[in-house]
Amino acid sequence: MRKLTYFIGATIDGYIAGTDGDFDFFAPYLTEDYVPVLMSEYSDALPTPARAAFGVADAPNKRFDTVLMGRGTYDPGLAVGLTSPYAHLRQIVFSRSLGTSPDPAVEVTAEDPLTVVRRLKQEDGLDIWLCGGADLAGQLLPEIDELIVKQYPVVAGSGIPLFRAEFTPRAFALTDSRIFERGNVVLTYAMAADRASTASG
């Protein structure tokens, strides 16, 4: 069965962007030892223009063939005319307000995200990338199989959190961790087998 992976950058205190959606403060941590890892292992998660800039536009997908976005994640690209930000992937945007898709390569749906993901998992293909944002991640938390956090040594104080959801603790197991020269780390977690917290309080 295909996995749903939430692959996302975050601060130490768990924010994926500022209150206005800005995440430029992560840029100083794109170091010479870090970028090659992103290029070799996670190139599927690069926007199409970035793939072209880094010379991997024609690289085959290794990890993902589908990307899921909420409207808040899709809108910044749309505002600058980027209607198909991940043209190398099947793109699904969850929105009740967007209406007709602005690009034939992008599926816009108001369907329940959990229903869609459960259906996608039954299909053949590579894994599914949850790009964001917090509201969609909160809705899909029961179906997230893998969480890969690019954690940067920054404290934001406030902003958009990793998840926006009700208090529902769920246990994950750390399966890999890597540290880079400026202190950023890539942490990989797998959902615990029982898909629920084992904490007793």
Protein backbone atom coordinates (compact mmCIF):
# COMPACT_ATOMS: atom_id res chain seq x y z
CA MET A 1 0.00 0.00 0.00
CA ARG A 2 1.21 3.52 -0.77
CA LYS A 3 2.31 5.67 2.16
CA LEU A 4 1.24 9.21 2.98
CA THR A 5 4.33 11.22 3.94
CA TYR A 6 4.24 14.68 5.47
CA PHE A 7 7.58 16.15 4.31
CA ILE A 8 7.96 19.66 5.66
CA GLY A 9 10.39 22.25 7.00
CA ALA A 10 9.87 23.54 10.53
CA THR A 11 11.42 25.61 13.29
CA ILE A 12 12.53 24.21 16.65
CA ASP A 13 9.24 25.36 18.14
CA GLY A 14 7.17 23.65 15.46
CA TYR A 15 6.23 26.36 12.94
CA ILE A 16 6.36 25.78 9.20
CA ALA A 17 6.05 29.48 8.27
CA GLY A 18 5.44 32.91 9.67
CA THR A 19 1.95 34.23 10.25
CA ASP A 20 1.98 35.63 6.70
CA GLY A 21 3.18 32.36 5.18
CA ASP A 22 6.80 33.50 4.84
CA PHE A 23 9.53 30.86 5.20
CA ASP A 24 12.51 32.74 3.75
CA PHE A 25 14.22 32.56 7.14
CA PHE A 26 15.04 28.90 6.37
CA ALA A 27 17.21 29.90 3.37
CA PRO A 28 20.51 30.45 5.28
CA TYR A 29 20.52 26.78 6.19
CA LEU A 30 20.64 25.55 2.59
CA THR A 31 24.30 24.64 2.95
CA GLU A 32 26.70 22.73 0.70
CA ASP A 33 26.32 19.55 2.73
CA TYR A 34 22.53 19.82 2.88
CA VAL A 35 21.38 20.79 -0.62
CA PRO A 36 22.90 17.69 -2.30
CA VAL A 37 20.84 15.50 0.05
CA LEU A 38 17.67 17.36 -0.92
CA MET A 39 18.59 17.01 -4.60
CA SER A 40 19.39 13.30 -4.47
CA GLU A 41 16.77 12.04 -2.04
CA TYR A 42 13.90 14.52 -2.18
CA SER A 43 14.00 16.05 -5.66
CA ASP A 44 10.39 14.93 -6.16
CA ALA A 45 9.41 17.56 -3.57
CA LEU A 46 11.00 20.47 -5.45
CA PRO A 47 8.72 22.84 -7.38
CA THR A 48 9.04 22.44 -11.12
CA PRO A 49 10.96 25.74 -11.62
CA ALA A 50 13.44 24.73 -8.91
CA ARG A 51 13.97 21.34 -10.55
CA ALA A 52 14.86 23.15 -13.76
CA ALA A 53 17.21 25.52 -11.93
CA PHE A 54 19.04 22.65 -10.25
CA GLY A 55 19.27 20.59 -13.43
CA VAL A 56 16.96 17.78 -12.34
CA ALA A 57 13.92 18.73 -14.41
CA ASP A 58 13.93 15.40 -16.24
CA ALA A 59 14.89 13.22 -13.29
CA PRO A 60 12.43 10.35 -12.74
CA ASN A 61 10.34 10.43 -9.59
CA LYS A 62 11.93 8.23 -6.93
CA ARG A 63 9.74 8.67 -3.89
CA PHE A 64 6.47 10.47 -4.72
CA ASP A 65 4.14 10.67 -7.70
CA THR A 66 1.30 12.61 -6.02
CA VAL A 67 1.25 15.84 -4.01
CA LEU A 68 -1.56 17.10 -1.75
CA MET A 69 -2.01 20.78 -0.91
CA GLY A 70 -4.48 22.97 0.88
CA ARG A 71 -5.47 26.22 -0.75
CA GLY A 72 -3.17 28.21 1.54
CA THR A 73 -0.20 26.23 0.21
CA TYR A 74 -1.29 26.50 -3.42
CA ASP A 75 -2.22 30.20 -3.44
CA PRO A 76 1.28 31.80 -3.20
CA GLY A 77 2.37 30.20 -6.46
CA LEU A 78 -0.97 30.97 -8.07
CA ALA A 79 -0.54 34.64 -7.13
CA VAL A 80 2.62 34.86 -9.28
CA GLY A 81 1.18 32.86 -12.18
CA LEU A 82 2.51 29.43 -11.20
CA THR A 83 -0.66 27.44 -11.75
CA SER A 84 1.05 24.03 -11.85
CA PRO A 85 3.81 24.16 -9.22
CA TYR A 86 4.62 20.44 -9.27
CA ALA A 87 4.07 19.51 -12.90
CA HIS A 88 6.06 16.27 -12.47
CA LEU A 89 3.49 15.02 -9.93
CA ARG A 90 -0.23 14.44 -9.80
CA GLN A 91 -1.41 17.58 -8.00
CA ILE A 92 -4.49 17.65 -5.78
CA VAL A 93 -5.63 20.84 -4.07
CA PHE A 94 -8.26 20.62 -1.33
CA SER A 95 -10.48 23.69 -1.33
CA ARG A 96 -14.15 24.48 -0.85
CA SER A 97 -13.73 27.99 -2.23
CA LEU A 98 -11.39 27.75 -5.21
CA GLY A 99 -13.98 26.24 -7.53
CA THR A 100 -12.74 25.46 -11.04
CA SER A 101 -9.08 24.55 -11.30
CA PRO A 102 -6.93 27.28 -12.89
CA ASP A 103 -4.84 24.61 -14.62
CA PRO A 104 -5.84 21.29 -16.24
CA ALA A 105 -2.86 19.62 -14.53
CA VAL A 106 -4.21 20.47 -11.08
CA GLU A 107 -7.18 18.69 -9.51
CA VAL A 108 -9.25 20.86 -7.17
CA THR A 109 -11.60 19.01 -4.87
CA ALA A 110 -13.94 19.80 -2.00
CA GLU A 111 -14.17 16.11 -1.10
CA ASP A 112 -13.24 14.95 2.40
CA PRO A 113 -9.40 14.65 2.51
CA LEU A 114 -9.46 11.40 4.49
CA THR A 115 -11.73 9.78 1.92
CA VAL A 116 -9.48 10.91 -0.93
CA VAL A 117 -6.29 9.69 0.75
CA ARG A 118 -7.75 6.31 1.62
CA ARG A 119 -8.73 5.89 -2.01
CA LEU A 120 -5.30 7.01 -3.26
CA LYS A 121 -3.57 4.53 -0.99
CA GLN A 122 -5.39 1.69 -2.73
CA GLU A 123 -4.10 2.76 -6.14
CA ASP A 124 -0.83 1.64 -7.69
CA GLY A 125 2.04 4.08 -7.69
CA LEU A 126 4.72 5.75 -5.62
CA ASP A 127 4.03 7.33 -2.25
CA ILE A 128 1.89 10.42 -1.64
CA TRP A 129 3.44 13.67 -0.44
CA LEU A 130 1.49 15.90 1.90
CA CYS A 131 2.97 19.32 1.12
CA GLY A 132 0.81 21.32 3.55
CA GLY A 133 -0.54 23.22 5.18
CA ALA A 134 -1.43 22.97 8.84
CA ASP A 135 -5.21 22.60 8.45
CA LEU A 136 -4.90 19.84 5.86
CA ALA A 137 -2.20 18.09 7.90
CA GLY A 138 -4.47 18.20 10.93
CA GLN A 139 -7.32 16.62 8.99
CA LEU A 140 -5.06 13.92 7.55
CA LEU A 141 -3.18 13.09 10.76
CA PRO A 142 -4.94 9.71 11.15
CA GLU A 143 -3.63 8.64 7.74
CA ILE A 144 -0.04 9.97 7.93
CA ASP A 145 2.32 7.00 7.77
CA GLU A 146 5.59 8.90 7.73
CA LEU A 147 6.65 12.33 8.98
CA ILE A 148 9.89 13.83 7.64
CA VAL A 149 10.72 17.11 9.35
CA LYS A 150 13.50 19.34 8.07
CA GLN A 151 14.05 21.06 11.41
CA TYR A 152 16.00 24.32 11.33
CA PRO A 153 17.76 25.84 14.38
CA VAL A 154 15.37 28.78 14.55
CA VAL A 155 12.70 29.73 17.08
CA ALA A 156 9.84 31.59 15.40
CA GLY A 157 7.72 32.34 18.45
CA SER A 158 4.51 32.21 16.44
CA GLY A 159 3.32 31.42 12.95
CA ILE A 160 1.73 28.52 11.10
CA PRO A 161 2.15 25.27 13.07
CA LEU A 162 3.02 21.83 11.76
CA PHE A 163 -0.52 20.71 12.54
CA ARG A 164 -3.69 22.59 13.29
CA ALA A 165 -5.92 20.05 14.97
CA GLU A 166 -7.70 19.13 18.16
CA PHE A 167 -5.66 17.66 21.00
CA THR A 168 -5.26 14.05 19.85
CA PRO A 169 -1.82 12.65 20.81
CA ARG A 170 -0.49 10.09 18.37
CA ALA A 171 2.76 8.18 18.79
CA PHE A 172 5.48 8.20 16.15
CA ALA A 173 8.76 6.27 16.20
CA LEU A 174 12.00 8.01 15.20
CA THR A 175 13.53 5.92 12.41
CA ASP A 176 16.32 8.20 11.17
CA SER A 177 18.07 11.46 12.02
CA ARG A 178 20.76 13.42 10.24
CA ILE A 179 22.50 16.61 11.31
CA PHE A 180 24.09 19.17 8.98
CA GLU A 181 26.83 21.75 9.42
CA ARG A 182 24.62 24.68 10.42
CA GLY A 183 22.66 22.64 12.91
CA ASN A 184 19.62 21.80 10.83
CA VAL A 185 18.47 18.20 11.07
CA VAL A 186 16.28 15.88 9.06
CA LEU A 187 14.15 13.74 11.34
CA THR A 188 12.18 10.79 9.99
CA TYR A 189 9.33 9.27 11.98
CA ALA A 190 7.01 6.36 11.29
CA MET A 191 3.50 6.20 12.71
CA ALA A 192 3.34 3.76 15.61
CA ALA A 193 1.70 0.48 14.69
CA ASP A 194 -1.42 1.08 16.77
CA ARG A 195 -1.83 4.57 15.23
CA ALA A 196 -2.48 6.05 18.67
CA SER A 197 -0.53 7.42 21.60
CA THR A 198 0.88 4.88 24.03
CA ALA A 199 1.51 7.54 26.65
CA SER A 200 -0.18 6.91 29.96
CA GLY A 201 -0.23 10.57 30.93
